[in-house]
Amino acid sequence: MNTNNQIYDHEKLHTLRPLVVLTGPTAVGKTAISIEFAKKVRGEIISADSMQVYKGMDIGSAKIRKEEMDGVPHHLLDILEPEEPFNVMLFQRFAKEAIEEIYDRGHIPILTGGTGFYIQSVLYDIAFTEETDTSVRERLEQEVREKGAEYLHEKLARIDRTTAENIHANNVKRVIRALEFYELNGYPLSEHNERERQRKSPYLFRYYVLNEPREILYRRIEARVDRMLEEGLVAEVEALKKRGYTRDMVSMQGLGYKEILDYLTGDCTLEDAIGKIKKETRHFAKRQLTWFRREKEVTWVEKSNFQDIGELIRFLLADFDAYVGSRLL
């Protein structure tokens, strides 16, 4: 199969439903690689990120700039205002709509980002149900107000350590959701997620996880945070604060935003805020890798095994060709 700007048959795209996942820990370099890969396979990129959906939150979310896209269409960027809620159910709906539009154009959808549960929700078409009984959630929300986020996180760890390890204590909404799931269903959310991983995917997919040695990844994280500060992260958060956005909003819980907000409200020094961002980002990367290691049918791509991006892209193209190419022509 010639993957150099190949246009695929529309009917076969809809029948076989090829899909690429290109993910990895934060700061590993997904953006540049996804752009080059997409150009080779006539792909369009769907952002699997919980923060890049928000308008005006560009620096802290490491959102790709228009000029960096190099003509490759991107989806699920700047679609919500910061005061609007966003969750995995909304992501799944928006992503599935984008995927169908991409197939209609004879292109390949490429899910790129580091939110593993978002990727899983699309890959295995997880069925979500809205809970109508809100009494458990309301009680848990009262508990966190009275006893704090750490208390609730420890409570989750006692009943579902696997889920607790993948959620930061400050992510109160996800902690509450996991506890709520357990109380309403009688078994842990991690058990539910494992069952969902056994579902058959409606897509002919290839799931790539980019990785590199921890010391290199941590240096990249440090450099990225420093670059965000140079590009105006403090001013970005200050502008959001002036618009009335507060720490209890989903959007302002993102890494970088809540720490700088603490600085702007006088709860810590800028130096402390920066140190915390770097530390929490490293911890976040570790949680991401833990999640990806639990996923099935994953191809790990160690960047250090390749001389440059060009060689890595050639590997991805050859692997993708071998897996689905012959079925598309």
Protein backbone atom coordinates (compact mmCIF):
# COMPACT_ATOMS: atom_id res chain seq x y z
CA MET A 1 0.00 0.00 0.00
CA ASN A 2 1.29 3.42 -0.87
CA THR A 3 0.82 5.47 2.32
CA ASN A 4 2.16 8.66 0.76
CA ASN A 5 -0.99 10.80 0.69
CA GLN A 6 -3.16 7.76 -0.14
CA ILE A 7 -6.88 8.40 -0.63
CA TYR A 8 -8.94 5.40 0.46
CA ASP A 9 -12.22 4.11 -0.87
CA HIS A 10 -15.08 5.67 1.10
CA GLU A 11 -17.17 2.48 1.24
CA LYS A 12 -14.26 0.39 2.49
CA LEU A 13 -13.39 3.00 5.11
CA HIS A 14 -16.89 2.78 6.54
CA THR A 15 -16.93 -1.03 6.37
CA LEU A 16 -13.49 -1.71 7.86
CA ARG A 17 -13.33 1.43 10.01
CA PRO A 18 -9.54 1.84 10.39
CA LEU A 19 -8.45 4.06 13.26
CA VAL A 20 -5.07 5.05 14.68
CA VAL A 21 -4.37 5.87 18.32
CA LEU A 22 -1.16 7.79 18.90
CA THR A 23 -0.66 8.46 22.57
CA GLY A 24 1.88 8.49 25.38
CA PRO A 25 2.76 10.43 28.51
CA THR A 26 2.66 14.21 28.59
CA ALA A 27 5.61 15.97 26.90
CA VAL A 28 6.75 12.85 25.05
CA GLY A 29 6.35 14.61 21.69
CA LYS A 30 3.02 13.34 20.38
CA THR A 31 2.14 16.52 18.49
CA ALA A 32 5.01 16.62 15.98
CA ILE A 33 4.83 12.88 15.30
CA SER A 34 1.05 12.88 14.85
CA ILE A 35 1.29 15.71 12.30
CA GLU A 36 3.89 13.93 10.18
CA PHE A 37 2.05 10.62 10.37
CA ALA A 38 -1.29 12.23 9.47
CA LYS A 39 0.20 13.87 6.38
CA LYS A 40 1.39 10.49 5.13
CA VAL A 41 -1.93 8.65 5.49
CA ARG A 42 -4.34 11.51 4.74
CA GLY A 43 -5.30 11.52 8.38
CA GLU A 44 -7.24 13.95 10.53
CA ILE A 45 -6.46 14.37 14.20
CA ILE A 46 -8.96 14.14 17.05
CA SER A 47 -7.63 15.56 20.30
CA ALA A 48 -8.09 13.12 23.19
CA ASP A 49 -7.40 15.76 25.81
CA SER A 50 -9.61 16.98 28.63
CA MET A 51 -8.31 20.57 28.58
CA GLN A 52 -7.75 21.48 24.94
CA VAL A 53 -11.51 21.63 24.35
CA TYR A 54 -11.58 24.96 26.21
CA LYS A 55 -11.26 28.33 24.51
CA GLY A 56 -8.67 30.69 25.96
CA MET A 57 -6.76 27.89 27.67
CA ASP A 58 -3.92 27.49 25.20
CA ILE A 59 -0.58 27.76 26.96
CA GLY A 60 -1.28 25.60 30.01
CA SER A 61 -2.89 22.85 27.91
CA ALA A 62 -0.01 22.85 25.37
CA LYS A 63 -2.57 23.33 22.63
CA ILE A 64 -1.24 23.12 19.10
CA ARG A 65 -1.07 26.43 17.22
CA LYS A 66 -2.73 26.88 13.85
CA GLU A 67 0.62 27.31 12.10
CA GLU A 68 1.91 24.08 13.64
CA MET A 69 -0.92 22.02 12.14
CA ASP A 70 0.71 22.17 8.70
CA GLY A 71 -2.65 21.80 6.99
CA VAL A 72 -3.75 18.74 8.96
CA PRO A 73 -7.36 19.11 10.20
CA HIS A 74 -7.78 18.96 13.99
CA HIS A 75 -10.96 18.24 15.91
CA LEU A 76 -12.20 18.85 19.48
CA LEU A 77 -10.11 21.98 20.03
CA ASP A 78 -11.67 25.23 21.31
CA ILE A 79 -15.22 23.91 21.31
CA LEU A 80 -16.29 24.93 24.83
CA GLU A 81 -16.13 27.96 27.09
CA PRO A 82 -14.22 27.41 30.36
CA GLU A 83 -17.39 27.54 32.45
CA GLU A 84 -18.91 24.58 30.56
CA PRO A 85 -18.53 21.06 31.95
CA PHE A 86 -16.72 18.38 29.98
CA ASN A 87 -16.52 14.66 30.67
CA VAL A 88 -15.86 11.33 29.00
CA MET A 89 -19.46 10.97 27.80
CA LEU A 90 -19.33 14.28 25.95
CA PHE A 91 -15.91 13.44 24.56
CA GLN A 92 -17.13 10.11 23.24
CA ARG A 93 -20.11 11.72 21.53
CA PHE A 94 -18.06 14.51 19.91
CA ALA A 95 -15.27 12.13 18.88
CA LYS A 96 -17.64 9.62 17.26
CA GLU A 97 -19.28 12.43 15.29
CA ALA A 98 -15.87 13.61 14.08
CA ILE A 99 -14.82 10.06 13.14
CA GLU A 100 -17.84 9.60 10.88
CA GLU A 101 -17.16 12.93 9.16
CA ILE A 102 -13.52 11.94 8.62
CA TYR A 103 -14.53 8.63 7.03
CA ASP A 104 -16.93 10.49 4.74
CA ARG A 105 -13.95 12.47 3.42
CA GLY A 106 -12.00 9.29 2.74
CA HIS A 107 -9.50 10.05 5.48
CA ILE A 108 -8.15 8.18 8.51
CA PRO A 109 -9.11 9.31 12.04
CA ILE A 110 -6.15 9.60 14.41
CA LEU A 111 -6.88 9.86 18.14
CA THR A 112 -4.01 11.80 19.69
CA GLY A 113 -3.68 12.78 23.33
CA GLY A 114 -2.88 11.47 26.75
CA THR A 115 -6.28 10.87 28.37
CA GLY A 116 -6.44 7.08 28.41
CA PHE A 117 -10.04 6.72 29.52
CA TYR A 118 -11.21 9.03 26.73
CA ILE A 119 -9.38 6.88 24.19
CA GLN A 120 -10.82 3.70 25.67
CA SER A 121 -14.36 5.09 25.55
CA VAL A 122 -14.15 5.50 21.78
CA LEU A 123 -12.02 2.48 20.98
CA TYR A 124 -14.42 0.03 22.65
CA ASP A 125 -17.59 2.10 22.33
CA ILE A 126 -18.21 2.00 26.07
CA ALA A 127 -21.84 2.40 27.05
CA PHE A 128 -22.42 5.10 29.66
CA THR A 129 -25.55 5.61 31.69
CA GLU A 130 -26.53 8.74 33.56
CA GLU A 131 -27.34 8.08 37.22
CA THR A 132 -30.67 9.57 38.26
CA ASP A 133 -30.10 9.06 41.99
CA THR A 134 -27.95 12.03 43.02
CA SER A 135 -28.11 11.45 46.78
CA VAL A 136 -24.81 9.52 46.91
CA ARG A 137 -22.96 12.21 44.97
CA GLU A 138 -24.42 14.96 47.14
CA ARG A 139 -23.34 13.14 50.31
CA LEU A 140 -19.81 12.64 48.96
CA GLU A 141 -19.62 16.30 47.98
CA GLN A 142 -20.56 17.21 51.53
CA GLU A 143 -17.86 14.86 52.85
CA VAL A 144 -15.16 16.54 50.79
CA ARG A 145 -16.27 19.97 52.00
CA GLU A 146 -16.06 18.81 55.61
CA LYS A 147 -13.05 16.47 55.54
CA GLY A 148 -11.05 17.44 52.47
CA ALA A 149 -9.91 15.89 49.18
CA GLU A 150 -7.20 13.70 50.72
CA TYR A 151 -9.72 12.02 53.02
CA LEU A 152 -11.97 11.14 50.10
CA HIS A 153 -9.03 9.87 48.03
CA GLU A 154 -7.90 7.61 50.89
CA LYS A 155 -11.45 6.30 51.15
CA LEU A 156 -11.35 5.39 47.46
CA ALA A 157 -7.93 3.71 47.85
CA ARG A 158 -9.36 1.39 50.52
CA ILE A 159 -12.04 0.03 48.20
CA ASP A 160 -10.42 0.47 44.76
CA ARG A 161 -6.65 0.98 44.89
CA THR A 162 -6.25 0.59 41.12
CA THR A 163 -8.58 3.49 40.36
CA ALA A 164 -7.14 5.62 43.18
CA GLU A 165 -3.64 5.23 41.76
CA ASN A 166 -4.84 6.68 38.45
CA ILE A 167 -6.66 9.70 39.91
CA HIS A 168 -4.95 12.56 41.70
CA ALA A 169 -6.48 13.47 45.06
CA ASN A 170 -7.15 17.00 43.78
CA ASN A 171 -9.33 15.65 40.98
CA VAL A 172 -12.30 15.60 43.33
CA LYS A 173 -14.95 15.09 40.66
CA ARG A 174 -13.34 11.87 39.41
CA VAL A 175 -12.76 10.60 42.95
CA ILE A 176 -16.42 11.22 43.77
CA ARG A 177 -17.52 9.54 40.55
CA ALA A 178 -15.46 6.41 41.39
CA LEU A 179 -16.86 6.25 44.91
CA GLU A 180 -20.36 6.86 43.61
CA PHE A 181 -19.97 4.04 41.08
CA TYR A 182 -18.91 1.64 43.84
CA GLU A 183 -21.80 2.54 46.12
CA LEU A 184 -24.41 2.33 43.38
CA ASN A 185 -23.13 -0.86 41.72
CA GLY A 186 -21.48 -2.81 44.52
CA TYR A 187 -18.18 -3.40 42.74
CA PRO A 188 -15.13 -1.17 41.94
CA LEU A 189 -14.87 1.08 38.92
CA SER A 190 -11.55 -0.58 38.03
CA GLU A 191 -13.38 -3.90 37.68
CA HIS A 192 -15.90 -2.24 35.38
CA ASN A 193 -13.11 -0.71 33.30
CA GLU A 194 -11.39 -4.08 32.99
CA ARG A 195 -14.62 -5.61 31.71
CA GLU A 196 -14.93 -2.82 29.17
CA ARG A 197 -11.38 -3.53 27.98
CA GLN A 198 -12.61 -6.97 26.94
CA ARG A 199 -15.22 -5.50 24.60
CA LYS A 200 -14.68 -5.95 20.89
CA SER A 201 -13.79 -2.71 19.17
CA PRO A 202 -15.93 -1.52 16.24
CA TYR A 203 -12.69 -0.26 14.64
CA LEU A 204 -9.76 -1.86 12.89
CA PHE A 205 -7.32 0.01 15.07
CA ARG A 206 -3.64 0.31 15.78
CA TYR A 207 -2.81 1.66 19.24
CA TYR A 208 0.67 3.22 19.54
CA VAL A 209 2.11 4.40 22.85
CA LEU A 210 5.13 6.67 22.50
CA ASN A 211 7.64 6.43 25.32
CA GLU A 212 11.20 7.32 26.22
CA PRO A 213 13.54 6.84 29.21
CA ARG A 214 12.20 8.43 32.37
CA GLU A 215 15.12 10.83 32.83
CA ILE A 216 14.62 12.19 29.30
CA LEU A 217 10.87 12.48 29.77
CA TYR A 218 11.31 14.35 33.04
CA ARG A 219 13.74 16.79 31.40
CA ARG A 220 11.19 17.39 28.67
CA ILE A 221 8.52 18.05 31.30
CA GLU A 222 10.76 20.56 33.09
CA ALA A 223 11.54 22.32 29.80
CA ARG A 224 7.88 22.39 28.79
CA VAL A 225 6.81 24.02 32.06
CA ASP A 226 9.60 26.61 31.75
CA ARG A 227 8.50 27.33 28.19
CA MET A 228 4.88 27.77 29.30
CA LEU A 229 6.01 30.37 31.83
CA GLU A 230 8.00 32.20 29.17
CA GLU A 231 5.03 32.16 26.79
CA GLY A 232 2.76 33.79 29.38
CA LEU A 233 1.04 31.12 31.48
CA VAL A 234 0.62 33.49 34.43
CA ALA A 235 -1.05 36.11 32.24
CA GLU A 236 -3.32 33.45 30.71
CA VAL A 237 -4.51 32.27 34.12
CA GLU A 238 -4.86 35.85 35.35
CA ALA A 239 -7.13 36.64 32.39
CA LEU A 240 -9.28 33.60 33.22
CA LYS A 241 -9.44 34.68 36.87
CA LYS A 242 -10.61 38.16 35.86
CA ARG A 243 -13.41 36.55 33.88
CA GLY A 244 -14.64 34.92 37.09
CA TYR A 245 -13.30 31.41 36.63
CA THR A 246 -12.56 29.71 39.92
CA ARG A 247 -10.70 26.66 41.18
CA ASP A 248 -13.86 24.57 41.59
CA MET A 249 -14.57 24.59 37.84
CA VAL A 250 -13.62 21.53 35.80
CA SER A 251 -11.53 23.63 33.44
CA MET A 252 -9.51 25.25 36.21
CA GLN A 253 -8.56 21.86 37.68
CA GLY A 254 -6.09 21.32 34.86
CA LEU A 255 -2.37 21.02 35.59
CA GLY A 256 -0.79 24.44 35.60
CA TYR A 257 -4.04 26.33 36.01
CA LYS A 258 -4.89 25.45 39.59
CA GLU A 259 -1.30 26.00 40.76
CA ILE A 260 -0.96 29.42 39.12
CA LEU A 261 -4.40 30.32 40.43
CA ASP A 262 -3.13 29.53 43.94
CA TYR A 263 -0.24 31.91 43.32
CA LEU A 264 -2.54 34.66 42.05
CA THR A 265 -4.78 34.34 45.11
CA GLY A 266 -1.77 34.60 47.42
CA ASP A 267 -1.81 31.00 48.64
CA CYS A 268 1.78 30.34 47.53
CA THR A 269 4.77 31.95 45.85
CA LEU A 270 5.34 31.74 42.11
CA GLU A 271 8.42 29.59 42.75
CA ASP A 272 6.33 27.17 44.80
CA ALA A 273 3.64 27.07 42.12
CA ILE A 274 6.17 26.28 39.39
CA GLY A 275 7.77 23.57 41.50
CA LYS A 276 4.39 22.02 42.14
CA ILE A 277 3.44 22.08 38.45
CA LYS A 278 6.63 20.22 37.55
CA LYS A 279 6.18 17.70 40.34
CA GLU A 280 2.50 17.04 39.60
CA THR A 281 3.21 16.76 35.86
CA ARG A 282 5.83 14.08 36.53
CA HIS A 283 3.32 12.20 38.69
CA PHE A 284 0.70 12.61 35.97
CA ALA A 285 3.06 11.09 33.38
CA LYS A 286 3.60 8.08 35.67
CA ARG A 287 -0.16 7.58 36.03
CA GLN A 288 -0.59 7.79 32.25
CA LEU A 289 2.04 5.10 31.70
CA THR A 290 0.39 2.89 34.31
CA TRP A 291 -2.91 3.21 32.45
CA PHE A 292 -1.40 2.40 29.04
CA ARG A 293 0.37 -0.68 30.42
CA ARG A 294 -3.02 -2.09 31.39
CA GLU A 295 -4.46 -1.62 27.92
CA LYS A 296 -4.59 -4.55 25.51
CA GLU A 297 -3.42 -4.64 21.88
CA VAL A 298 -0.96 -1.82 22.42
CA THR A 299 2.24 -1.27 20.42
CA TRP A 300 4.90 0.47 22.51
CA VAL A 301 7.17 2.76 20.52
CA GLU A 302 10.40 3.64 22.32
CA LYS A 303 11.63 6.88 20.79
CA SER A 304 15.23 6.17 21.84
CA ASN A 305 15.27 3.23 19.41
CA PHE A 306 15.07 5.59 16.44
CA GLN A 307 17.66 8.03 15.12
CA ASP A 308 15.09 10.74 14.37
CA ILE A 309 11.39 11.40 13.82
CA GLY A 310 11.69 10.44 10.16
CA GLU A 311 12.81 6.91 11.04
CA LEU A 312 10.07 6.61 13.67
CA ILE A 313 7.43 7.71 11.15
CA ARG A 314 8.67 5.13 8.64
CA PHE A 315 8.27 2.45 11.31
CA LEU A 316 4.70 3.56 12.07
CA LEU A 317 3.78 3.61 8.39
CA ALA A 318 5.20 0.14 7.76
CA ASP A 319 3.44 -1.25 10.81
CA PHE A 320 0.14 0.40 9.91
CA ASP A 321 0.44 -0.88 6.33
CA ALA A 322 1.12 -4.41 7.49
CA TYR A 323 -1.85 -4.39 9.83
CA VAL A 324 -4.64 -2.78 7.81
CA GLY A 325 -3.29 -1.65 4.45
CA SER A 326 -4.17 -4.66 2.36
CA ARG A 327 -7.78 -4.51 3.53
CA LEU A 328 -8.27 -0.92 2.42
CA LEU A 329 -7.25 -1.16 -1.22
